[in-house]
Amino acid sequence: MQQSLIRFILILLPISILACSNNEPKSSYVPDFEISEHPSDANVYVFENTTEGEHFFWRWEFGNGDRTDREPVETNPISSFYPEKGTYEVTLTIWGSSSDLADNKAVTRQLTVSDDVFNAAFSVEAVAGKVNTYALSNQTDGEYEHITWLVNGKELEEANQTVEVYFPFKGKNEVSLVVSVGDYQKEVTETVDVATDDPDFKSHYTLVWNDEFDGNVIDTDKWKFETGQHGWGNNEWQNYTDGANVEVSDGTLKITAKLVGEGQKVGDYTSTRLNSKKSFTYGLYEVKAKMPEEKGPGHWPAIWMLGESIQNGTSWPLCGEIDIMEYVSWDPNMTSSSIHTQSNNHAQGNPIGSGHLPLETAEEEFHVYGFIWTENFLRFYRDDVDNVILTYNKPTNPNQENWPFDEPFYYLLNVAVGGMYGGVNGVDDSIFPASMEVDYVRVYQID
């Protein structure tokens, strides 16, 4: 009898405690808030917590992507920015207990924003009396803080309300205006379709970098030697030295390939490979040069450029290669131009090039080898800008694999020996020494 009574009390005790807990009064509060427009800032709205009763925490969700964390009730009122017109649901969640996360209530109200903070827009108009020149004028309506002009993805230094832009070449050009206020920005884009090349386009280019080789030493502020005899990816035989195969005299640079061993193997030949220290993006590039005297097969002079990214770990051909001029002595009186990308290159048998083109005095006279590089194309020529031998247009869907040409490239000047291209018909050791002469190297860019 006594044991049963004790057992009965033990069983009832937890139930009595639980019942007592359920009867504890909850916090009494009614969540609410008011919305008003900011008195001076466009599209900014003010939210004031008007909750009745004791409460400890709150969280705002403004419906425009902004929100606050659950935090102690302090800042009141609070504001948020709505740059675009529309209807937004704003929710305030209130916690009535300092420790019970479940003790919360929420209230939601709709906010209707009638106008965008600004309507980004601009006009494009041809400038009278200026060939291929267009005036871009900001026509944005509303409140904003900054504007930025982009032409073919490149930001203009000027951020004026009206700017003039010159397009030297026929084709479509993307022009954008970026308008911003605070962290919000909006971009509008139009296409300017230029009907023809400006016949006088070259006069708009300014010389920005050059070497005329007027002294008697290599200008080491402009050039550096790349050395070694590891085949250079093409099974070449030469050892590139750091000065023994180069000379500056009588206004020209001479790069000379020499036979220094028994011949017919790697290391039996020396030569020079010069890299410009400076890299460039876009412009007009010209090198005036004369090929080695015609004697027989085996050497391979080149004037070319590589994407600077190769120096930072980007592999070839993803870095991109621009061959301004290549010459192989097994096919005299001919030169070629080409480009190599990840999608098109000689290693997979589909380079984009001019092929070997006749140039009867390549070995006897200096010729200008040049190309024009814009955001939209690479255009190669010989001796005159109108003598175009190859054009590579920017693909419809450009990417790093088919258009690495929005990044800096640097010059290379060298004479290789043998290899998969220069040695197609073997190497005749009697042709050495063989020298490529360079009168000048120049880079021009639009004013």
Protein backbone atom coordinates (compact mmCIF):
# COMPACT_ATOMS: atom_id res chain seq x y z
CA MET A 1 0.00 0.00 0.00
CA GLN A 2 2.74 2.45 0.93
CA GLN A 3 4.90 1.50 -2.08
CA SER A 4 1.96 1.99 -4.45
CA LEU A 5 1.35 5.51 -3.11
CA ILE A 6 4.99 6.49 -3.66
CA ARG A 7 4.90 5.12 -7.20
CA PHE A 8 1.71 7.12 -7.92
CA ILE A 9 3.28 10.39 -6.70
CA LEU A 10 6.39 9.84 -8.86
CA ILE A 11 4.30 9.29 -11.95
CA LEU A 12 2.15 12.38 -11.43
CA LEU A 13 4.96 14.76 -10.53
CA PRO A 14 6.28 15.43 -14.11
CA ILE A 15 2.77 15.92 -15.42
CA SER A 16 2.08 18.55 -12.79
CA ILE A 17 5.31 20.44 -13.64
CA LEU A 18 4.52 20.38 -17.38
CA ALA A 19 1.03 21.66 -16.82
CA CYS A 20 2.40 24.50 -14.73
CA SER A 21 4.86 25.47 -17.52
CA ASN A 22 2.14 25.55 -20.18
CA ASN A 23 0.19 28.02 -18.11
CA GLU A 24 3.03 30.61 -18.06
CA PRO A 25 1.89 33.77 -19.84
CA LYS A 26 3.58 34.60 -23.18
CA SER A 27 4.87 38.08 -23.98
CA SER A 28 2.09 40.34 -25.18
CA TYR A 29 2.96 42.44 -28.26
CA VAL A 30 1.45 43.39 -31.59
CA PRO A 31 4.02 43.77 -34.45
CA ASP A 32 3.44 46.70 -36.76
CA PHE A 33 5.33 49.30 -38.82
CA GLU A 34 4.77 52.37 -40.94
CA ILE A 35 6.19 53.27 -44.37
CA SER A 36 6.97 56.77 -45.61
CA GLU A 37 9.00 58.31 -48.44
CA HIS A 38 12.36 59.81 -47.58
CA PRO A 39 12.03 63.61 -47.57
CA SER A 40 14.97 64.23 -49.94
CA ASP A 41 16.43 60.99 -51.37
CA ALA A 42 14.66 59.63 -54.45
CA ASN A 43 13.35 56.07 -54.23
CA VAL A 44 14.39 55.75 -50.59
CA TYR A 45 11.68 54.67 -48.17
CA VAL A 46 11.64 54.94 -44.38
CA PHE A 47 10.33 52.11 -42.17
CA GLU A 48 9.37 52.80 -38.57
CA ASN A 49 8.73 50.00 -36.10
CA THR A 50 5.46 50.81 -34.27
CA THR A 51 5.08 47.50 -32.44
CA GLU A 52 3.02 47.73 -29.25
CA GLY A 53 4.12 45.82 -26.16
CA GLU A 54 7.49 44.72 -24.88
CA HIS A 55 9.81 43.14 -27.50
CA PHE A 56 13.51 42.50 -27.73
CA PHE A 57 14.63 41.61 -31.30
CA TRP A 58 13.59 42.36 -34.85
CA ARG A 59 14.46 41.50 -38.44
CA TRP A 60 13.58 43.46 -41.57
CA GLU A 61 13.14 41.91 -45.04
CA PHE A 62 12.66 44.75 -47.50
CA GLY A 63 11.64 42.75 -50.58
CA ASN A 64 14.30 44.37 -52.77
CA GLY A 65 17.06 41.92 -51.88
CA ASP A 66 18.11 43.82 -48.76
CA ARG A 67 17.48 42.54 -45.27
CA THR A 68 18.82 42.82 -41.74
CA ASP A 69 19.91 40.06 -39.39
CA ARG A 70 18.00 39.27 -36.22
CA GLU A 71 19.29 41.98 -33.95
CA PRO A 72 18.34 43.99 -30.83
CA VAL A 73 15.76 46.70 -31.39
CA GLU A 74 17.84 49.87 -31.71
CA THR A 75 17.86 51.78 -34.97
CA ASN A 76 14.40 53.16 -35.54
CA PRO A 77 13.40 54.23 -38.09
CA ILE A 78 15.40 52.43 -40.81
CA SER A 79 15.54 53.08 -44.58
CA SER A 80 16.07 51.13 -47.80
CA PHE A 81 16.62 52.04 -51.46
CA TYR A 82 14.35 50.83 -54.29
CA PRO A 83 15.95 51.81 -57.63
CA GLU A 84 13.34 50.17 -59.85
CA LYS A 85 9.58 50.60 -59.93
CA GLY A 86 7.40 47.70 -58.81
CA THR A 87 5.53 46.20 -55.90
CA TYR A 88 7.57 44.84 -53.00
CA GLU A 89 6.59 42.84 -49.90
CA VAL A 90 8.19 44.16 -46.72
CA THR A 91 8.20 41.93 -43.63
CA LEU A 92 9.03 42.83 -40.03
CA THR A 93 9.59 39.95 -37.62
CA ILE A 94 9.49 40.68 -33.88
CA TRP A 95 10.78 38.53 -31.02
CA GLY A 96 9.00 39.07 -27.70
CA SER A 97 11.43 37.04 -25.61
CA SER A 98 15.12 37.67 -25.05
CA SER A 99 15.85 33.92 -25.10
CA ASP A 100 13.00 32.03 -26.80
CA LEU A 101 13.56 31.98 -30.60
CA ALA A 102 10.11 30.53 -31.12
CA ASP A 103 8.47 33.54 -29.52
CA ASN A 104 8.14 35.64 -32.68
CA LYS A 105 5.46 37.24 -34.78
CA ALA A 106 5.62 38.83 -38.21
CA VAL A 107 3.72 41.42 -40.19
CA THR A 108 3.94 42.02 -43.96
CA ARG A 109 2.94 45.08 -45.95
CA GLN A 110 3.15 45.92 -49.64
CA LEU A 111 5.16 48.87 -50.95
CA THR A 112 4.52 50.20 -54.45
CA VAL A 113 7.33 52.17 -56.09
CA SER A 114 5.96 54.16 -59.01
CA ASP A 115 9.15 55.15 -60.88
CA ASP A 116 12.71 54.04 -61.51
CA VAL A 117 15.26 56.22 -59.75
CA PHE A 118 16.59 57.06 -63.22
CA ASN A 119 15.99 56.01 -66.81
CA ALA A 120 19.41 55.41 -68.38
CA ALA A 121 19.57 56.52 -72.01
CA PHE A 122 21.93 58.17 -74.48
CA SER A 123 21.94 59.36 -78.08
CA VAL A 124 24.41 58.69 -80.90
CA GLU A 125 24.89 61.27 -83.62
CA ALA A 126 27.45 61.63 -86.42
CA VAL A 127 29.65 64.71 -85.99
CA ALA A 128 29.48 67.01 -88.98
CA GLY A 129 32.82 67.56 -90.71
CA LYS A 130 34.57 64.68 -88.89
CA VAL A 131 34.89 61.37 -90.70
CA ASN A 132 33.71 58.31 -88.75
CA THR A 133 33.30 60.39 -85.58
CA TYR A 134 30.21 60.18 -83.38
CA ALA A 135 28.92 62.23 -80.45
CA LEU A 136 27.59 60.24 -77.52
CA SER A 137 25.26 62.30 -75.31
CA ASN A 138 23.87 61.24 -71.96
CA GLN A 139 20.05 61.51 -71.95
CA THR A 140 19.43 59.90 -68.57
CA ASP A 141 16.34 61.14 -66.76
CA GLY A 142 16.20 61.02 -62.95
CA GLU A 143 18.67 61.13 -60.07
CA TYR A 144 22.12 59.55 -60.43
CA GLU A 145 25.66 60.14 -59.22
CA HIS A 146 28.10 58.83 -61.85
CA ILE A 147 28.27 57.89 -65.53
CA THR A 148 30.84 55.78 -67.39
CA TRP A 149 31.24 55.37 -71.15
CA LEU A 150 32.35 52.03 -72.64
CA VAL A 151 33.37 51.56 -76.28
CA ASN A 152 33.76 47.95 -77.38
CA GLY A 153 34.12 47.03 -73.72
CA LYS A 154 36.87 49.56 -73.02
CA GLU A 155 36.21 52.34 -70.52
CA LEU A 156 36.82 55.87 -71.77
CA GLU A 157 38.89 58.17 -69.61
CA GLU A 158 36.36 60.94 -70.11
CA ALA A 159 33.09 60.77 -68.18
CA ASN A 160 31.56 63.92 -69.63
CA GLN A 161 27.89 64.25 -70.50
CA THR A 162 28.88 64.32 -74.17
CA VAL A 163 31.95 62.62 -75.66
CA GLU A 164 33.22 62.21 -79.20
CA VAL A 165 34.36 58.76 -80.35
CA TYR A 166 36.29 57.99 -83.52
CA PHE A 167 35.86 54.66 -85.31
CA PRO A 168 38.53 54.30 -88.01
CA PHE A 169 37.22 51.12 -89.59
CA LYS A 170 34.07 49.71 -91.10
CA GLY A 171 32.05 47.46 -88.82
CA LYS A 172 29.79 47.21 -85.80
CA ASN A 173 30.88 48.79 -82.53
CA GLU A 174 29.27 48.40 -79.11
CA VAL A 175 28.78 51.60 -77.16
CA SER A 176 27.52 51.48 -73.57
CA LEU A 177 26.57 53.99 -70.91
CA VAL A 178 26.77 52.87 -67.28
CA VAL A 179 24.77 55.04 -64.85
CA SER A 180 25.04 54.58 -61.10
CA VAL A 181 23.78 55.84 -57.78
CA GLY A 182 25.25 54.33 -54.65
CA ASP A 183 25.83 50.63 -55.31
CA TYR A 184 23.13 50.47 -57.97
CA GLN A 185 24.05 50.77 -61.62
CA LYS A 186 22.38 50.18 -64.94
CA GLU A 187 23.98 49.75 -68.35
CA VAL A 188 22.39 50.55 -71.71
CA THR A 189 24.04 49.56 -74.98
CA GLU A 190 23.69 50.56 -78.60
CA THR A 191 25.47 49.40 -81.75
CA VAL A 192 27.19 51.94 -83.98
CA ASP A 193 27.45 50.51 -87.50
CA VAL A 194 30.25 52.27 -89.38
CA ALA A 195 29.76 52.01 -93.15
CA THR A 196 33.33 52.44 -94.46
CA ASP A 197 36.96 52.67 -93.40
CA ASP A 198 38.32 56.16 -92.97
CA PRO A 199 40.82 56.44 -95.86
CA ASP A 200 42.96 58.68 -93.67
CA PHE A 201 42.82 56.45 -90.58
CA LYS A 202 46.60 56.15 -90.22
CA SER A 203 46.87 59.87 -89.44
CA HIS A 204 44.91 59.26 -86.23
CA TYR A 205 47.57 56.91 -84.89
CA THR A 206 50.42 58.25 -82.74
CA LEU A 207 53.81 56.61 -82.25
CA VAL A 208 53.88 55.37 -78.64
CA TRP A 209 56.90 53.01 -78.61
CA ASN A 210 59.74 52.31 -81.00
CA ASP A 211 63.34 51.33 -81.53
CA GLU A 212 65.17 52.78 -84.53
CA PHE A 213 68.46 51.00 -83.68
CA ASP A 214 70.46 54.18 -84.16
CA GLY A 215 73.08 53.40 -81.52
CA ASN A 216 75.65 50.64 -81.27
CA VAL A 217 74.21 48.46 -78.47
CA ILE A 218 70.93 46.77 -77.63
CA ASP A 219 68.72 49.04 -75.54
CA THR A 220 68.22 46.83 -72.49
CA ASP A 221 65.49 49.15 -71.24
CA LYS A 222 63.43 47.94 -74.21
CA TRP A 223 64.67 44.41 -74.88
CA LYS A 224 65.74 41.28 -73.04
CA PHE A 225 67.41 38.09 -74.26
CA GLU A 226 65.68 34.73 -74.03
CA THR A 227 68.30 31.98 -73.98
CA GLY A 228 68.57 28.20 -74.22
CA GLN A 229 68.75 25.20 -76.56
CA HIS A 230 65.79 23.05 -75.56
CA GLY A 231 64.11 22.93 -78.97
CA TRP A 232 61.60 25.71 -78.21
CA GLY A 233 58.60 23.46 -78.84
CA ASN A 234 59.51 22.92 -82.51
CA ASN A 235 62.59 20.65 -82.37
CA GLU A 236 64.85 23.58 -83.28
CA TRP A 237 68.63 23.18 -83.20
CA GLN A 238 69.90 26.63 -82.18
CA ASN A 239 71.19 27.75 -78.80
CA TYR A 240 69.95 31.26 -78.12
CA THR A 241 72.70 33.36 -76.53
CA ASP A 242 72.56 36.56 -74.50
CA GLY A 243 74.39 38.83 -76.95
CA ALA A 244 76.98 36.93 -79.01
CA ASN A 245 74.65 36.77 -82.01
CA VAL A 246 73.32 40.30 -82.12
CA GLU A 247 74.77 43.58 -83.33
CA VAL A 248 73.49 47.15 -83.62
CA SER A 249 75.31 49.20 -86.24
CA ASP A 250 74.69 51.57 -89.16
CA GLY A 251 71.08 52.09 -88.06
CA THR A 252 69.99 48.45 -88.04
CA LEU A 253 69.76 45.46 -85.75
CA LYS A 254 71.46 42.30 -87.03
CA ILE A 255 70.44 38.91 -85.63
CA THR A 256 72.87 36.29 -86.90
CA ALA A 257 72.53 32.53 -86.78
CA LYS A 258 75.97 30.84 -86.70
CA LEU A 259 77.38 27.36 -87.06
CA VAL A 260 79.64 26.74 -84.01
CA GLY A 261 79.91 22.93 -83.97
CA GLU A 262 80.07 20.07 -86.42
CA GLY A 263 76.44 20.68 -87.40
CA GLN A 264 73.22 18.74 -87.78
CA LYS A 265 72.28 18.60 -84.13
CA VAL A 266 71.05 20.70 -81.23
CA GLY A 267 73.69 23.07 -79.89
CA ASP A 268 75.79 23.19 -83.04
CA TYR A 269 74.22 26.53 -83.93
CA THR A 270 73.79 29.79 -82.04
CA SER A 271 71.38 32.66 -82.59
CA THR A 272 69.41 35.38 -80.77
CA ARG A 273 65.86 35.69 -79.52
CA LEU A 274 64.90 39.19 -78.36
CA ASN A 275 61.73 39.96 -76.39
CA SER A 276 60.38 43.44 -75.84
CA LYS A 277 60.02 44.28 -72.17
CA LYS A 278 56.87 46.28 -72.83
CA SER A 279 53.56 44.73 -73.86
CA PHE A 280 50.74 46.33 -75.85
CA THR A 281 47.03 45.97 -76.60
CA TYR A 282 45.50 47.22 -79.87
CA GLY A 283 47.21 49.59 -82.27
CA LEU A 284 49.18 49.59 -85.49
CA TYR A 285 52.45 47.63 -85.48
CA GLU A 286 55.25 47.86 -88.04
CA VAL A 287 58.66 46.25 -88.39
CA LYS A 288 60.93 47.07 -91.31
CA ALA A 289 63.29 44.19 -92.01
CA LYS A 290 65.38 42.33 -94.59
CA MET A 291 65.71 38.56 -94.66
CA PRO A 292 69.06 36.71 -94.79
CA GLU A 293 70.82 36.38 -98.12
CA GLU A 294 69.41 33.53 -100.20
CA LYS A 295 71.77 30.55 -99.90
CA GLY A 296 69.80 27.42 -99.06
CA PRO A 297 67.47 25.72 -96.57
CA GLY A 298 67.67 25.64 -92.79
CA HIS A 299 67.00 28.97 -91.11
CA TRP A 300 63.70 30.44 -89.96
CA PRO A 301 63.55 34.19 -89.15
CA ALA A 302 60.43 35.49 -87.44
CA ILE A 303 58.86 38.77 -86.30
CA TRP A 304 56.03 37.94 -83.97
CA MET A 305 54.17 38.49 -80.68
CA LEU A 306 53.04 36.36 -77.75
CA GLY A 307 50.33 36.99 -75.16
CA GLU A 308 51.93 38.36 -72.01
CA SER A 309 49.93 35.83 -69.99
CA ILE A 310 52.40 33.10 -71.03
CA GLN A 311 54.85 34.72 -68.61
CA ASN A 312 52.37 34.13 -65.79
CA GLY A 313 51.64 30.47 -66.45
CA THR A 314 49.12 30.48 -69.30
CA SER A 315 50.07 27.71 -71.72
CA TRP A 316 50.59 28.07 -75.45
CA PRO A 317 48.47 28.43 -77.56
CA LEU A 318 45.85 29.60 -75.01
CA CYS A 319 47.97 32.74 -74.51
CA GLY A 320 47.68 33.54 -78.23
CA GLU A 321 50.34 34.14 -80.89
CA ILE A 322 50.54 36.76 -83.65
CA ASP A 323 53.04 36.02 -86.44
CA ILE A 324 53.61 39.36 -88.14
CA MET A 325 56.12 37.82 -90.53
CA GLU A 326 57.70 34.39 -90.94
CA TYR A 327 60.29 33.37 -93.50
CA VAL A 328 61.83 29.94 -94.16
CA SER A 329 64.91 29.77 -96.33
CA TRP A 330 63.78 26.55 -98.05
CA ASP A 331 61.09 28.68 -99.75
CA PRO A 332 62.91 31.91 -100.74
CA ASN A 333 61.20 35.07 -101.99
CA MET A 334 58.18 34.26 -99.86
CA THR A 335 56.84 35.45 -96.49
CA SER A 336 53.72 34.64 -94.46
CA SER A 337 51.58 35.95 -91.62
CA SER A 338 49.35 33.97 -89.26
CA ILE A 339 47.68 33.76 -85.86
CA HIS A 340 47.54 30.87 -83.39
CA THR A 341 44.88 30.34 -80.73
CA GLN A 342 43.70 27.41 -78.65
CA SER A 343 41.04 26.67 -81.27
CA ASN A 344 43.27 27.26 -84.33
CA ASN A 345 47.00 26.49 -84.33
CA HIS A 346 49.70 24.65 -86.26
CA ALA A 347 49.97 21.89 -83.63
CA GLN A 348 46.51 20.64 -84.56
CA GLY A 349 46.89 21.50 -88.22
CA ASN A 350 44.40 24.36 -88.53
CA PRO A 351 46.26 27.65 -88.12
CA ILE A 352 44.78 30.80 -89.64
CA GLY A 353 47.31 32.25 -92.04
CA SER A 354 48.07 33.95 -95.32
CA GLY A 355 50.14 31.07 -96.68
CA HIS A 356 53.46 31.72 -98.38
CA LEU A 357 53.07 34.85 -100.49
CA PRO A 358 55.58 35.98 -103.16
CA LEU A 359 57.96 38.80 -102.26
CA GLU A 360 60.73 38.78 -104.85
CA THR A 361 63.06 41.11 -102.96
CA ALA A 362 62.55 39.74 -99.44
CA GLU A 363 66.28 38.98 -99.16
CA GLU A 364 67.63 41.99 -101.07
CA GLU A 365 65.54 44.87 -99.74
CA PHE A 366 63.91 46.09 -96.55
CA HIS A 367 60.14 45.63 -96.40
CA VAL A 368 57.55 46.79 -93.89
CA TYR A 369 55.66 43.99 -92.17
CA GLY A 370 52.69 45.33 -90.26
CA PHE A 371 49.28 44.65 -88.82
CA ILE A 372 46.39 46.62 -87.38
CA TRP A 373 44.90 45.30 -84.17
CA THR A 374 41.50 46.53 -82.98
CA GLU A 375 38.81 45.24 -80.64
CA ASN A 376 37.19 43.66 -83.72
CA PHE A 377 39.93 42.30 -85.99
CA LEU A 378 43.59 41.68 -86.80
CA ARG A 379 44.56 42.92 -90.28
CA PHE A 380 48.00 42.08 -91.70
CA TYR A 381 49.72 43.92 -94.53
CA ARG A 382 53.08 44.27 -96.32
CA ASP A 383 54.72 47.60 -97.18
CA ASP A 384 51.42 49.53 -97.32
CA VAL A 385 48.32 49.46 -95.10
CA ASP A 386 46.20 48.95 -98.23
CA ASN A 387 48.14 45.83 -99.22
CA VAL A 388 46.19 43.52 -96.90
CA ILE A 389 47.30 39.89 -96.90
CA LEU A 390 45.26 38.44 -94.01
CA THR A 391 42.32 39.48 -91.83
CA TYR A 392 41.07 37.65 -88.74
CA ASN A 393 37.75 38.96 -87.47
CA LYS A 394 36.61 38.62 -83.88
CA PRO A 395 34.35 35.54 -83.66
CA THR A 396 30.64 35.96 -83.00
CA ASN A 397 31.03 34.29 -79.60
CA PRO A 398 34.53 35.34 -78.51
CA ASN A 399 36.33 33.59 -75.66
CA GLN A 400 39.88 32.90 -74.51
CA GLU A 401 40.18 29.94 -76.89
CA ASN A 402 39.30 31.76 -80.11
CA TRP A 403 40.03 35.41 -79.26
CA PRO A 404 42.83 35.99 -76.72
CA PHE A 405 43.45 39.36 -78.36
CA ASP A 406 41.96 41.69 -75.77
CA GLU A 407 45.03 41.26 -73.56
CA PRO A 408 48.62 42.60 -73.81
CA PHE A 409 51.15 41.05 -76.22
CA TYR A 410 54.91 41.58 -76.53
CA TYR A 411 57.32 41.53 -79.50
CA LEU A 412 59.76 38.74 -80.34
CA LEU A 413 62.55 38.90 -82.95
CA ASN A 414 64.57 35.76 -83.67
CA VAL A 415 66.26 33.52 -86.23
CA ALA A 416 65.71 29.82 -85.59
CA VAL A 417 67.61 26.92 -87.15
CA GLY A 418 65.92 23.75 -88.38
CA GLY A 419 62.84 22.61 -86.54
CA MET A 420 59.47 21.38 -87.74
CA TYR A 421 59.06 24.40 -90.03
CA GLY A 422 62.51 25.78 -90.76
CA GLY A 423 64.00 22.33 -91.26
CA VAL A 424 61.37 20.81 -93.55
CA ASN A 425 64.01 20.42 -96.29
CA GLY A 426 66.92 19.91 -93.92
CA VAL A 427 69.65 22.32 -92.86
CA ASP A 428 72.46 23.24 -95.25
CA ASP A 429 75.43 24.10 -93.04
CA SER A 430 77.00 26.17 -95.82
CA ILE A 431 74.37 28.92 -95.42
CA PHE A 432 75.80 30.16 -92.10
CA PRO A 433 76.27 32.79 -90.90
CA ALA A 434 72.79 34.06 -91.82
CA SER A 435 71.55 37.47 -90.65
CA MET A 436 68.12 39.08 -90.46
CA GLU A 437 68.40 42.89 -90.41
CA VAL A 438 65.80 45.08 -88.73
CA ASP A 439 65.63 48.80 -89.51
CA TYR A 440 62.97 49.67 -86.92
CA VAL A 441 60.20 48.36 -84.67
CA ARG A 442 57.23 50.69 -84.04
CA VAL A 443 53.94 50.74 -82.18
CA TYR A 444 51.22 53.30 -82.97
CA GLN A 445 47.96 53.75 -81.10
CA ILE A 446 44.85 55.87 -81.64
CA ASP A 447 45.08 59.42 -80.25
